[in-house]
Amino acid sequence: MLTESVSEEKVVISANPSPTHEKIVDRKTIVYETLVDPTVIKLKGEKLKTHIFAKFFFLKPSRNEIQLVSINKYYEPFIVISGKYAIDYYRKSAYTIKLDKEAQEVILLNQQFKPEQSKDPYSENRNIIRLEGEERIAREFTASLILDESGQDIPPERLPAAPSEREPEKTLAECGAEEIPEEADLSIIQSRILKRPKDINRIVNELIEVNERAVIYAPRFRLVYRDTIAGSEKALEFDGVTARRIYTNQKCPRTLMKTTTPIQPERV
C-alpha cells in the first residue's frame, strides 16, 4: 500500500522534464586600447631575437644574421562569463519501517498497512512495512569562467586591465579580426553547469541564468624573424597593453570560431 505525498505546490507532472527557463544577459564586446607603440615592441624584439634561435641554450647567432621579416598587430579574444543552474524537483523514494514480529497491522496518517516478512537475513525474522513517496530536492551549480580563444581556463592575471575602445566593433572590423560566434560562450558555460539529476520524477522549477557575459579583445604584436644563414623563421609575441612577452610561437587553434551545437543537459 502506498502513501500519497501532499504538496501545496502547483506542479505539472510530465513524462519528460520541463523545458529549462533561461535568463541570459546580452553579451558585451570590449576591445582594449593599444598602449604600447610598435617602435617599443621592435626594440624589445631586437634584444631577444638571438635568444629564440639559440642552440643548446648558449650557442647564439650573430645579431646581423637575424632579420625582422614582419611585425603584425592582432587581437586575442578572451571570454568572461558567469552563471548558475538551479533545479527544484521531486524524486521517488521508498522507506522501510521495521516492526515487532507480532505486529499484525499499522495505522499511519489514518491509513492501514499490513506488515510483510522481511527478506533481510539479518533482520531476525522481523516484520516490515514499505512506504513509497517523493522527496523534494533543490540543487544549484555555479561557475565563473575566464577562457582563452580555444575554450581553456586561464588565470585572471593573464588578462591585464586597460582602457577600452569607444567603438569596439569598428576597431575589430578595421583590423579584420574574427569575432567569437555569438552562442559559443553559452555552450561552454552550459557544459559546465547544466547538470540535470537522473532521478527526476517531476520538476517544480528549473532555471539557467547567465548574469555576466563579455568577450575581451586584447591587442598583440607578432614579430617574425629569419635566420639568414639557416633560413629558418621564428616569432616573438608581445602584449600590446603591457609590452610583456607572450611565450608562444604559434597561436592556439581557434576552436571557438567553429559552429557550435546546443548542449544537452548532463545527467547527474
Protein backbone atom coordinates (compact mmCIF):
# COMPACT_ATOMS: atom_id res chain seq x y z
CA MET A 1 0.00 0.00 0.00
CA LEU A 2 1.37 3.45 -0.88
CA THR A 3 1.01 6.74 0.89
CA GLU A 4 0.32 9.89 -1.12
CA SER A 5 2.61 12.91 -0.86
CA VAL A 6 0.77 16.10 -0.08
CA SER A 7 2.06 19.37 -1.61
CA GLU A 8 0.53 22.77 -1.99
CA GLU A 9 2.80 23.50 -4.99
CA LYS A 10 1.16 23.52 -8.40
CA VAL A 11 3.45 21.11 -10.20
CA VAL A 12 2.96 19.86 -13.73
CA ILE A 13 3.69 16.17 -13.94
CA SER A 14 5.20 15.08 -17.24
CA ALA A 15 6.99 12.05 -18.59
CA ASN A 16 9.73 14.40 -19.83
CA PRO A 17 11.49 17.11 -17.83
CA SER A 18 10.01 20.55 -18.34
CA PRO A 19 11.95 22.97 -20.56
CA THR A 20 14.68 24.99 -18.88
CA HIS A 21 13.80 28.61 -18.11
CA GLU A 22 16.52 31.00 -19.18
CA LYS A 23 17.73 34.41 -18.01
CA ILE A 24 20.65 35.41 -20.22
CA VAL A 25 22.16 38.88 -20.41
CA ASP A 26 23.35 40.33 -23.70
CA ARG A 27 27.00 39.81 -24.47
CA LYS A 28 29.35 42.80 -24.34
CA THR A 29 32.24 43.31 -26.72
CA ILE A 30 35.26 45.02 -25.16
CA VAL A 31 38.38 45.96 -27.12
CA TYR A 32 41.40 47.12 -25.14
CA GLU A 33 43.27 50.15 -26.34
CA THR A 34 46.81 49.58 -27.59
CA LEU A 35 49.01 51.38 -25.05
CA VAL A 36 52.41 50.39 -26.45
CA ASP A 37 53.90 51.93 -29.59
CA PRO A 38 55.15 49.47 -32.26
CA THR A 39 58.60 51.09 -32.02
CA VAL A 40 58.86 49.99 -28.40
CA ILE A 41 57.91 46.47 -29.42
CA LYS A 42 60.60 46.44 -32.12
CA LEU A 43 63.22 47.49 -29.58
CA LYS A 44 62.20 44.70 -27.23
CA GLY A 45 62.30 42.26 -30.13
CA GLU A 46 65.84 43.35 -31.05
CA LYS A 47 67.01 42.48 -27.54
CA LEU A 48 65.52 38.99 -27.69
CA LYS A 49 65.85 37.95 -31.32
CA THR A 50 69.09 35.99 -30.95
CA HIS A 51 67.71 34.10 -27.95
CA ILE A 52 64.94 32.43 -29.94
CA PHE A 53 67.48 30.98 -32.38
CA ALA A 54 69.93 29.84 -29.68
CA LYS A 55 71.06 26.21 -29.72
CA PHE A 56 71.75 24.28 -26.52
CA PHE A 57 70.71 27.45 -24.63
CA PHE A 58 74.03 29.25 -25.21
CA LEU A 59 75.05 29.00 -28.89
CA LYS A 60 73.51 32.16 -30.36
CA PRO A 61 73.83 33.50 -33.90
CA SER A 62 75.14 36.96 -34.61
CA ARG A 63 72.63 39.82 -34.43
CA ASN A 64 73.40 40.69 -38.04
CA GLU A 65 72.32 37.19 -39.11
CA ILE A 66 68.80 37.67 -37.69
CA GLN A 67 66.49 39.95 -39.67
CA LEU A 68 62.99 41.20 -38.94
CA VAL A 69 60.62 39.86 -41.60
CA SER A 70 57.33 41.34 -40.39
CA ILE A 71 55.51 42.92 -37.47
CA ASN A 72 51.75 42.47 -37.24
CA LYS A 73 49.12 43.52 -34.75
CA TYR A 74 46.18 41.26 -33.95
CA TYR A 75 43.57 40.91 -31.22
CA GLU A 76 43.37 37.86 -28.98
CA PRO A 77 39.87 37.19 -27.59
CA PHE A 78 39.13 36.20 -24.01
CA ILE A 79 35.74 35.10 -22.69
CA VAL A 80 34.45 36.24 -19.29
CA ILE A 81 31.20 34.56 -18.30
CA SER A 82 29.36 33.69 -15.08
CA GLY A 83 26.14 31.81 -14.47
CA LYS A 84 24.19 29.30 -12.46
CA TYR A 85 21.84 26.37 -12.98
CA ALA A 86 19.17 25.73 -10.34
CA ILE A 87 16.61 22.95 -10.21
CA ASP A 88 13.82 22.25 -7.70
CA TYR A 89 12.32 18.80 -8.21
CA TYR A 90 10.72 15.71 -6.69
CA ARG A 91 12.23 12.24 -6.79
CA LYS A 92 10.65 8.94 -5.88
CA SER A 93 11.81 7.24 -2.70
CA ALA A 94 10.98 4.12 -0.68
CA TYR A 95 11.13 3.78 3.11
CA THR A 96 11.26 0.58 5.13
CA ILE A 97 9.97 0.53 8.71
CA LYS A 98 10.90 -2.38 10.93
CA LEU A 99 8.18 -3.73 13.24
CA ASP A 100 7.85 -6.14 16.05
CA LYS A 101 7.35 -9.64 14.65
CA GLU A 102 3.97 -9.91 16.41
CA ALA A 103 2.59 -6.72 14.78
CA GLN A 104 -0.37 -7.53 12.53
CA GLU A 105 -1.39 -4.06 11.44
CA VAL A 106 -0.02 -0.49 11.44
CA ILE A 107 -2.01 2.72 11.08
CA LEU A 108 -0.18 5.79 9.84
CA LEU A 109 -1.87 9.03 8.79
CA ASN A 110 -5.25 7.29 9.01
CA GLN A 111 -4.14 4.58 6.60
CA GLN A 112 -3.85 0.88 7.38
CA PHE A 113 -0.77 -1.13 6.43
CA LYS A 114 -0.35 -4.89 6.57
CA PRO A 115 3.18 -5.94 7.58
CA GLU A 116 5.15 -8.39 5.49
CA GLN A 117 8.01 -10.68 6.33
CA SER A 118 11.45 -9.08 5.88
CA LYS A 119 13.70 -10.80 3.34
CA ASP A 120 16.80 -9.41 5.05
CA PRO A 121 18.71 -12.38 6.59
CA TYR A 122 19.98 -10.08 9.35
CA SER A 123 16.56 -8.76 10.44
CA GLU A 124 15.89 -11.57 12.95
CA ASN A 125 12.54 -12.53 11.32
CA ARG A 126 11.05 -9.09 11.94
CA ASN A 127 8.05 -7.78 10.08
CA ILE A 128 8.27 -4.62 7.99
CA ILE A 129 6.10 -2.21 6.07
CA ARG A 130 7.25 -0.35 2.94
CA LEU A 131 6.22 3.21 2.19
CA GLU A 132 6.72 4.80 -1.17
CA GLY A 133 6.69 8.55 -1.61
CA GLU A 134 8.53 11.53 -3.01
CA GLU A 135 11.35 13.73 -1.75
CA ARG A 136 11.75 17.36 -2.79
CA ILE A 137 15.32 18.32 -3.68
CA ALA A 138 16.87 21.67 -4.61
CA ARG A 139 20.26 21.83 -6.30
CA GLU A 140 22.35 24.66 -7.68
CA PHE A 141 25.52 24.67 -9.79
CA THR A 142 27.52 27.86 -10.43
CA ALA A 143 30.57 28.81 -12.47
CA SER A 144 32.59 31.94 -13.17
CA LEU A 145 34.96 31.45 -16.08
CA ILE A 146 37.80 33.24 -17.84
CA LEU A 147 38.67 31.42 -21.05
CA ASP A 148 41.08 31.84 -23.93
CA GLU A 149 40.03 31.55 -27.58
CA SER A 150 40.39 27.75 -27.53
CA GLY A 151 37.96 27.46 -24.60
CA GLN A 152 40.60 26.66 -21.97
CA ASP A 153 40.55 28.15 -18.46
CA ILE A 154 43.20 30.78 -17.82
CA PRO A 155 44.32 32.57 -14.63
CA PRO A 156 42.98 36.12 -14.16
CA GLU A 157 46.48 37.62 -14.19
CA ARG A 158 46.89 36.62 -17.85
CA LEU A 159 44.27 39.21 -18.78
CA PRO A 160 45.54 42.71 -17.91
CA ALA A 161 43.30 45.70 -17.32
CA ALA A 162 43.29 48.55 -19.84
CA PRO A 163 41.08 51.37 -21.14
CA SER A 164 38.55 50.27 -23.74
CA GLU A 165 38.00 51.47 -27.29
CA ARG A 166 34.85 53.57 -27.66
CA GLU A 167 33.80 51.79 -30.87
CA PRO A 168 34.91 48.16 -30.37
CA GLU A 169 33.10 46.67 -33.38
CA LYS A 170 34.60 49.30 -35.69
CA THR A 171 38.09 48.62 -34.33
CA LEU A 172 37.76 44.88 -34.91
CA ALA A 173 36.40 45.41 -38.42
CA GLU A 174 39.24 47.75 -39.38
CA CYS A 175 41.89 45.19 -38.45
CA GLY A 176 39.97 42.24 -39.91
CA ALA A 177 39.65 40.46 -36.57
CA GLU A 178 37.39 37.42 -36.45
CA GLU A 179 34.83 37.61 -33.65
CA ILE A 180 33.82 34.77 -31.36
CA PRO A 181 30.48 33.27 -32.53
CA GLU A 182 27.51 34.62 -30.58
CA GLU A 183 26.50 31.34 -28.90
CA ALA A 184 29.95 29.82 -28.34
CA ASP A 185 30.38 31.17 -24.81
CA LEU A 186 26.91 29.96 -23.81
CA SER A 187 27.69 26.45 -24.98
CA ILE A 188 30.78 26.38 -22.78
CA ILE A 189 29.14 27.54 -19.56
CA GLN A 190 26.14 25.27 -20.16
CA SER A 191 28.50 22.31 -20.44
CA ARG A 192 29.93 23.25 -17.01
CA ILE A 193 26.78 23.92 -15.00
CA LEU A 194 23.78 22.33 -16.74
CA LYS A 195 23.73 19.09 -14.71
CA ARG A 196 20.20 17.74 -14.58
CA PRO A 197 19.75 14.93 -12.00
CA LYS A 198 18.97 11.42 -13.22
CA ASP A 199 16.38 10.71 -10.53
CA ILE A 200 13.80 13.37 -11.51
CA ASN A 201 10.16 12.36 -11.11
CA ARG A 202 8.66 15.82 -11.62
CA ILE A 203 10.05 19.34 -11.75
CA VAL A 204 8.85 22.32 -9.71
CA ASN A 205 11.23 24.87 -11.22
CA GLU A 206 14.32 24.81 -13.40
CA LEU A 207 16.45 27.81 -14.34
CA ILE A 208 19.70 28.56 -16.12
CA GLU A 209 20.95 32.10 -15.61
CA VAL A 210 23.90 33.90 -17.20
CA ASN A 211 24.46 37.17 -15.33
CA GLU A 212 27.85 38.21 -16.72
CA ARG A 213 28.93 37.81 -20.31
CA ALA A 214 31.69 39.56 -22.25
CA VAL A 215 34.36 38.96 -24.86
CA ILE A 216 37.52 40.99 -24.31
CA TYR A 217 39.87 41.51 -27.25
CA ALA A 218 43.44 42.26 -26.18
CA PRO A 219 45.97 43.74 -28.64
CA ARG A 220 49.01 41.64 -29.51
CA PHE A 221 52.12 42.19 -31.62
CA ARG A 222 53.73 39.34 -33.54
CA LEU A 223 57.27 39.78 -34.84
CA VAL A 224 58.67 37.23 -37.29
CA TYR A 225 62.46 36.89 -37.61
CA ARG A 226 64.56 34.96 -40.13
CA ASP A 227 67.95 33.38 -39.63
CA THR A 228 69.62 34.39 -42.91
CA ILE A 229 72.22 31.62 -42.58
CA ALA A 230 69.98 28.69 -41.68
CA GLY A 231 66.90 30.04 -43.48
CA SER A 232 64.58 29.26 -40.55
CA GLU A 233 61.96 31.60 -39.15
CA LYS A 234 60.70 32.11 -35.60
CA ALA A 235 58.36 34.57 -33.90
CA LEU A 236 58.14 36.73 -30.82
CA GLU A 237 54.80 37.91 -29.46
CA PHE A 238 54.13 40.82 -27.08
CA ASP A 239 51.15 42.16 -25.17
CA GLY A 240 50.00 45.44 -26.73
CA VAL A 241 48.89 46.75 -23.32
CA THR A 242 51.91 45.92 -21.12
CA ALA A 243 54.64 45.09 -23.69
CA ARG A 244 55.08 41.82 -21.80
CA ARG A 245 56.38 38.94 -23.89
CA ILE A 246 53.87 36.18 -24.65
CA TYR A 247 55.60 32.81 -24.67
CA THR A 248 54.19 31.18 -27.75
CA ASN A 249 55.45 30.79 -31.29
CA GLN A 250 52.17 29.60 -32.70
CA LYS A 251 48.69 30.73 -31.79
CA CYS A 252 46.26 28.22 -30.37
CA PRO A 253 43.73 26.77 -32.82
CA ARG A 254 40.53 28.80 -32.74
CA THR A 255 38.16 26.02 -31.77
CA LEU A 256 35.60 28.58 -30.60
CA MET A 257 35.44 30.01 -34.09
CA LYS A 258 33.74 26.86 -35.31
CA THR A 259 29.98 26.48 -35.40
CA THR A 260 28.75 25.07 -32.11
CA THR A 261 25.81 22.76 -31.41
CA PRO A 262 23.36 23.11 -28.49
CA ILE A 263 24.49 21.48 -25.26
CA GLN A 264 22.17 18.84 -23.81
CA PRO A 265 21.79 18.75 -20.01
CA GLU A 266 24.22 16.39 -18.32
CA ARG A 267 22.63 13.77 -16.08
CA VAL A 268 23.98 13.57 -12.55
